[in-house]
Amino acid sequence: MKPFIITALLVASVHGARGFQPSEKARLKGSPSNGAQGSNQVKVDLSKETVGKPPATFEPMVGTWVVAKDGPGDNNNVIMVDGRPWVASKDNPTKLLIESARRLYGTSNEELMDNAKQFAYFPVAVLKGVDNFTNGTISVKFKTIAGDADRASGILFNVKPNGDWLAIRYNDTENNVALWEFHNGMRRNMRFSDRAKKFMLDRAAWHELKLTIDGADLKTWLDGELALEYTLGSQPGPGRNNAPPNPDLIPANNAVLRPPVMGKVGVWAKTDTTSYFKDYVVSPK
């Protein structure tokens, strides 16, 4: 069974999607709110979310995503990816993937259970109501809470109908920023921030991760500082010992690496990471 058949159940198909409809999202509990009049900016409002329940604004696809509090008051609601259940269930096929596929498609594909393990390493939640983001800015504030194997918090984007995606993340154990791609059931690195420059962030504080997309040009900012740049569609360099590059890293073979960016967006983590997220903003250009 080919991995792309399995990954197709990670997201709702964009075929036939009506695109961004602010009036529709306004009817959803805790839904993204429309920004300035005449714009399509989306600001995720968590104030009416129910603490202890999965967020209504995002569709958790892999991992445990719940609404939590970072202090008293409705304005302190956050989305938490809880890595503790991952530790207990990492050797078992995830049921969340099946349940989410049923909700999104109104059907099921039990074959997904055969390969569900590979996805459990990358908890993701897809933002509802934004089906086809291309150019603009995505930003989110995050706070690292815990994690033994990993402490990684990121932005998911360019999610394709077959489940392939790109993600930009900050890793609190490596103190760097990286761009990753997921294709045919495998995750591969596309670019790291400067290894000589460590981003030593205060774990007790909130930090902002921002991604700007202008055609093929991707830029990532961490707390207002440019951390990484990448041009989508770039040809890969040689592999180790000057071996030919992996065929899946060649844009001609991999749609997620070809411009333009066009797909769903969300939040991303890795393995046993526990992080808080808030102030998720999507600003199309």
Protein backbone atom coordinates (compact mmCIF):
# COMPACT_ATOMS: atom_id res chain seq x y z
CA MET A 1 0.00 0.00 0.00
CA LYS A 2 1.47 3.36 -1.03
CA PRO A 3 2.00 5.95 1.73
CA PHE A 4 0.26 8.73 -0.21
CA ILE A 5 -3.00 6.77 -0.07
CA ILE A 6 -2.74 6.75 3.72
CA THR A 7 -1.74 10.39 4.07
CA ALA A 8 -4.79 11.45 2.08
CA LEU A 9 -6.88 10.96 5.22
CA LEU A 10 -4.93 13.53 7.20
CA VAL A 11 -6.82 16.49 5.76
CA ALA A 12 -10.14 17.24 4.09
CA SER A 13 -9.95 17.39 0.32
CA VAL A 14 -9.66 20.89 -1.09
CA HIS A 15 -11.50 19.86 -4.22
CA GLY A 16 -14.83 21.63 -4.25
CA ALA A 17 -13.87 23.80 -1.27
CA ARG A 18 -15.53 27.21 -1.20
CA GLY A 19 -12.50 28.91 0.31
CA PHE A 20 -12.47 31.38 3.17
CA GLN A 21 -15.97 32.39 4.30
CA PRO A 22 -15.91 34.68 7.39
CA SER A 23 -19.67 34.45 7.89
CA GLU A 24 -19.47 30.67 8.10
CA LYS A 25 -16.65 30.69 10.63
CA ALA A 26 -18.51 33.24 12.75
CA ARG A 27 -21.18 30.62 13.43
CA LEU A 28 -18.64 28.23 14.93
CA LYS A 29 -17.90 28.22 18.64
CA GLY A 30 -14.51 29.75 19.27
CA SER A 31 -14.16 30.26 15.52
CA PRO A 32 -11.52 32.34 13.76
CA SER A 33 -12.70 35.96 13.66
CA ASN A 34 -12.48 38.14 10.60
CA GLY A 35 -9.96 40.93 10.84
CA ALA A 36 -10.20 44.46 9.47
CA GLN A 37 -13.17 45.16 7.23
CA GLY A 38 -12.41 44.29 3.65
CA SER A 39 -9.60 41.88 4.54
CA ASN A 40 -9.45 38.12 4.90
CA GLN A 41 -7.29 38.14 8.01
CA VAL A 42 -8.10 35.37 10.45
CA LYS A 43 -7.43 35.79 14.18
CA VAL A 44 -8.18 32.68 16.19
CA ASP A 45 -10.32 33.55 19.22
CA LEU A 46 -9.93 31.08 22.10
CA SER A 47 -11.94 33.01 24.70
CA LYS A 48 -15.09 30.92 24.28
CA GLU A 49 -13.35 27.57 23.98
CA THR A 50 -14.05 24.94 26.65
CA VAL A 51 -11.07 24.15 28.86
CA GLY A 52 -10.22 20.46 28.88
CA LYS A 53 -11.88 19.81 25.50
CA PRO A 54 -10.36 19.64 22.01
CA PRO A 55 -10.35 23.07 20.34
CA ALA A 56 -13.32 23.95 18.13
CA THR A 57 -11.13 26.16 15.97
CA PHE A 58 -8.70 23.41 14.97
CA GLU A 59 -9.19 19.81 13.87
CA PRO A 60 -6.70 17.67 15.83
CA MET A 61 -5.38 15.09 13.40
CA VAL A 62 -2.51 13.47 15.29
CA GLY A 63 -1.66 13.78 18.97
CA THR A 64 -3.55 15.13 21.98
CA TRP A 65 -4.70 18.74 21.52
CA VAL A 66 -6.85 20.35 24.22
CA VAL A 67 -7.79 23.81 25.44
CA ALA A 68 -5.94 24.79 28.63
CA LYS A 69 -5.34 27.90 30.70
CA ASP A 70 -2.18 29.89 31.25
CA GLY A 71 -3.48 31.91 34.18
CA PRO A 72 -6.96 33.06 35.27
CA GLY A 73 -9.57 34.58 32.96
CA ASP A 74 -11.02 33.73 29.52
CA ASN A 75 -8.31 35.76 27.82
CA ASN A 76 -5.73 33.26 29.01
CA ASN A 77 -7.11 30.25 27.15
CA VAL A 78 -4.49 28.46 25.10
CA ILE A 79 -4.26 25.41 22.87
CA MET A 80 -2.06 22.76 24.42
CA VAL A 81 -0.43 19.85 22.66
CA ASP A 82 -0.03 17.31 25.45
CA GLY A 83 2.90 14.97 24.89
CA ARG A 84 2.22 12.75 27.88
CA PRO A 85 -0.30 10.46 26.14
CA TRP A 86 2.16 10.06 23.26
CA VAL A 87 4.65 8.44 25.62
CA ALA A 88 2.05 5.92 26.75
CA SER A 89 0.62 5.14 23.31
CA LYS A 90 3.51 5.56 20.88
CA ASP A 91 3.62 1.82 20.20
CA ASN A 92 -0.09 1.61 19.36
CA PRO A 93 -1.83 2.71 16.14
CA THR A 94 -3.60 6.03 16.77
CA LYS A 95 -7.38 6.06 16.67
CA LEU A 96 -7.57 9.83 16.37
CA LEU A 97 -6.51 9.66 12.74
CA ILE A 98 -9.44 7.36 11.91
CA GLU A 99 -11.95 9.42 13.89
CA SER A 100 -10.83 12.67 12.26
CA ALA A 101 -11.02 11.13 8.79
CA ARG A 102 -14.59 10.02 9.49
CA ARG A 103 -15.59 13.51 10.61
CA LEU A 104 -13.98 15.20 7.62
CA TYR A 105 -14.98 12.72 4.92
CA GLY A 106 -18.12 11.16 6.34
CA THR A 107 -16.56 7.77 5.67
CA SER A 108 -13.62 5.70 6.82
CA ASN A 109 -10.65 3.83 5.50
CA GLU A 110 -9.59 1.14 7.94
CA GLU A 111 -6.39 0.59 5.93
CA LEU A 112 -5.11 3.70 7.69
CA MET A 113 -4.61 1.62 10.82
CA ASP A 114 -1.84 -0.30 9.06
CA ASN A 115 0.41 2.74 8.79
CA ALA A 116 -0.92 4.97 11.58
CA LYS A 117 2.27 4.57 13.63
CA GLN A 118 4.39 6.67 11.30
CA PHE A 119 2.18 9.73 11.80
CA ALA A 120 2.15 9.53 15.59
CA TYR A 121 5.61 11.10 15.73
CA PHE A 122 4.29 14.45 14.46
CA PRO A 123 1.23 15.81 16.29
CA VAL A 124 -0.65 18.20 14.01
CA ALA A 125 -3.91 20.15 14.20
CA VAL A 126 -5.42 21.80 11.10
CA LEU A 127 -7.11 25.22 11.30
CA LYS A 128 -10.74 25.05 10.26
CA GLY A 129 -12.07 27.46 7.64
CA VAL A 130 -8.83 28.27 5.81
CA ASP A 131 -8.67 25.81 2.95
CA ASN A 132 -6.24 27.34 0.52
CA PHE A 133 -3.62 29.70 1.94
CA THR A 134 -1.02 30.92 -0.56
CA ASN A 135 0.72 34.26 0.01
CA GLY A 136 0.91 36.26 3.22
CA THR A 137 1.83 35.78 6.85
CA ILE A 138 1.10 33.15 9.49
CA SER A 139 2.11 33.86 13.07
CA VAL A 140 1.60 32.16 16.42
CA LYS A 141 2.82 32.60 19.96
CA PHE A 142 4.14 29.53 21.76
CA LYS A 143 5.52 28.53 25.11
CA THR A 144 7.50 25.34 25.74
CA ILE A 145 6.17 23.44 28.75
CA ALA A 146 7.76 19.98 28.77
CA GLY A 147 9.25 17.13 26.76
CA ASP A 148 11.96 14.56 27.27
CA ALA A 149 12.56 13.40 23.69
CA ASP A 150 11.58 16.69 22.02
CA ARG A 151 10.49 20.27 22.69
CA ALA A 152 9.40 21.43 19.25
CA SER A 153 6.67 23.96 18.40
CA GLY A 154 5.77 24.97 14.87
CA ILE A 155 3.50 26.21 12.11
CA LEU A 156 2.00 23.69 9.69
CA PHE A 157 1.35 24.95 6.14
CA ASN A 158 1.00 23.95 2.49
CA VAL A 159 -1.01 20.88 3.53
CA LYS A 160 -1.89 19.07 0.33
CA PRO A 161 -5.01 16.98 -0.44
CA ASN A 162 -2.85 13.84 -0.20
CA GLY A 163 -1.63 14.78 3.29
CA ASP A 164 1.87 16.04 2.39
CA TRP A 165 2.88 19.20 4.26
CA LEU A 166 5.55 21.71 5.17
CA ALA A 167 6.29 22.87 8.71
CA ILE A 168 8.50 25.52 10.22
CA ARG A 169 9.45 24.93 13.83
CA TYR A 170 11.56 26.03 16.78
CA ASN A 171 13.27 23.24 18.72
CA ASP A 172 13.99 24.10 22.34
CA THR A 173 16.48 21.26 22.76
CA GLU A 174 18.55 22.22 19.70
CA ASN A 175 17.82 25.97 20.02
CA ASN A 176 17.31 26.37 16.29
CA VAL A 177 14.68 26.90 13.61
CA ALA A 178 14.11 24.45 10.76
CA LEU A 179 11.94 23.89 7.71
CA TRP A 180 10.70 20.32 7.26
CA GLU A 181 8.74 18.62 4.50
CA PHE A 182 6.55 15.52 4.80
CA HIS A 183 6.05 13.44 1.67
CA ASN A 184 5.16 9.79 1.06
CA GLY A 185 5.15 9.10 4.79
CA MET A 186 8.66 10.47 5.40
CA ARG A 187 9.81 13.75 6.99
CA ARG A 188 12.97 15.41 5.65
CA ASN A 189 14.81 18.61 6.47
CA MET A 190 14.99 21.37 3.87
CA ARG A 191 16.87 24.06 5.80
CA PHE A 192 18.20 24.76 9.31
CA SER A 193 18.87 28.16 10.75
CA ASP A 194 22.54 29.08 11.19
CA ARG A 195 23.99 26.34 13.41
CA ALA A 196 26.52 28.82 14.80
CA LYS A 197 23.72 31.05 16.07
CA LYS A 198 21.72 29.52 18.89
CA PHE A 199 18.31 30.93 19.82
CA MET A 200 18.38 30.59 23.61
CA LEU A 201 14.77 31.32 24.53
CA ASP A 202 13.32 31.68 28.01
CA ARG A 203 11.13 28.61 28.52
CA ALA A 204 8.93 30.45 31.01
CA ALA A 205 8.05 33.18 28.49
CA TRP A 206 5.89 33.43 25.38
CA HIS A 207 7.62 33.70 22.00
CA GLU A 208 6.41 34.48 18.48
CA LEU A 209 7.07 32.33 15.43
CA LYS A 210 6.17 34.02 12.14
CA LEU A 211 6.25 32.74 8.58
CA THR A 212 6.02 35.03 5.54
CA ILE A 213 5.31 33.65 2.08
CA ASP A 214 5.80 35.72 -1.05
CA GLY A 215 5.52 33.47 -4.09
CA ALA A 216 8.39 31.00 -3.77
CA ASP A 217 10.18 32.99 -1.07
CA LEU A 218 9.75 31.74 2.51
CA LYS A 219 11.05 33.64 5.54
CA THR A 220 10.79 32.68 9.19
CA TRP A 221 11.06 35.09 12.08
CA LEU A 222 11.57 34.25 15.75
CA ASP A 223 10.68 37.01 18.19
CA GLY A 224 11.08 39.54 15.38
CA GLU A 225 14.50 38.28 14.25
CA LEU A 226 14.96 36.74 10.82
CA ALA A 227 15.96 33.13 11.47
CA LEU A 228 15.64 31.28 8.15
CA GLU A 229 15.09 31.87 4.44
CA TYR A 230 14.26 29.36 1.73
CA THR A 231 13.20 29.47 -1.91
CA LEU A 232 10.57 26.89 -2.73
CA GLY A 233 11.43 24.97 -5.88
CA SER A 234 15.18 25.05 -5.22
CA GLN A 235 17.09 22.04 -6.47
CA PRO A 236 18.64 19.97 -3.65
CA GLY A 237 22.37 19.64 -3.21
CA PRO A 238 24.20 16.32 -3.09
CA GLY A 239 23.67 13.89 -0.25
CA ARG A 240 26.24 12.49 2.10
CA ASN A 241 29.59 11.72 0.52
CA ASN A 242 28.39 13.52 -2.62
CA ALA A 243 25.72 10.91 -3.25
CA PRO A 244 22.81 11.90 -5.52
CA PRO A 245 20.01 13.70 -3.64
CA ASN A 246 16.97 11.77 -2.52
CA PRO A 247 14.48 11.80 -5.43
CA ASP A 248 11.71 12.99 -3.09
CA LEU A 249 13.68 16.21 -2.48
CA ILE A 250 13.56 17.12 -6.17
CA PRO A 251 10.62 19.52 -6.69
CA ALA A 252 9.65 17.84 -9.96
CA ASN A 253 8.90 14.69 -7.95
CA ASN A 254 7.27 16.35 -4.96
CA ALA A 255 4.38 18.82 -5.25
CA VAL A 256 4.77 20.13 -1.71
CA LEU A 257 8.19 21.54 -2.70
CA ARG A 258 6.96 23.27 -5.85
CA PRO A 259 5.67 26.83 -5.78
CA PRO A 260 3.18 28.25 -5.26
CA VAL A 261 2.25 27.41 -1.66
CA MET A 262 -1.37 26.29 -1.77
CA GLY A 263 -3.06 24.38 1.05
CA LYS A 264 -4.34 24.20 4.59
CA VAL A 265 -2.50 25.51 7.66
CA GLY A 266 -2.29 24.67 11.36
CA VAL A 267 0.00 23.95 14.29
CA TRP A 268 2.70 21.30 14.59
CA ALA A 269 4.72 19.52 17.29
CA LYS A 270 6.88 16.45 17.67
CA THR A 271 6.69 13.26 19.78
CA ASP A 272 6.36 14.01 23.53
CA THR A 273 6.42 17.80 23.22
CA THR A 274 4.03 19.69 25.50
CA SER A 275 3.59 23.29 24.34
CA TYR A 276 1.07 26.10 24.60
CA PHE A 277 -0.13 28.03 21.52
CA LYS A 278 -2.14 31.24 21.26
CA ASP A 279 -2.68 34.31 19.05
CA TYR A 280 -2.74 32.31 15.81
CA VAL A 281 -3.13 34.81 12.96
CA VAL A 282 -3.39 34.19 9.21
CA SER A 283 -2.97 37.30 7.03
CA PRO A 284 -3.37 36.61 3.29
CA LYS A 285 -1.54 39.02 1.00
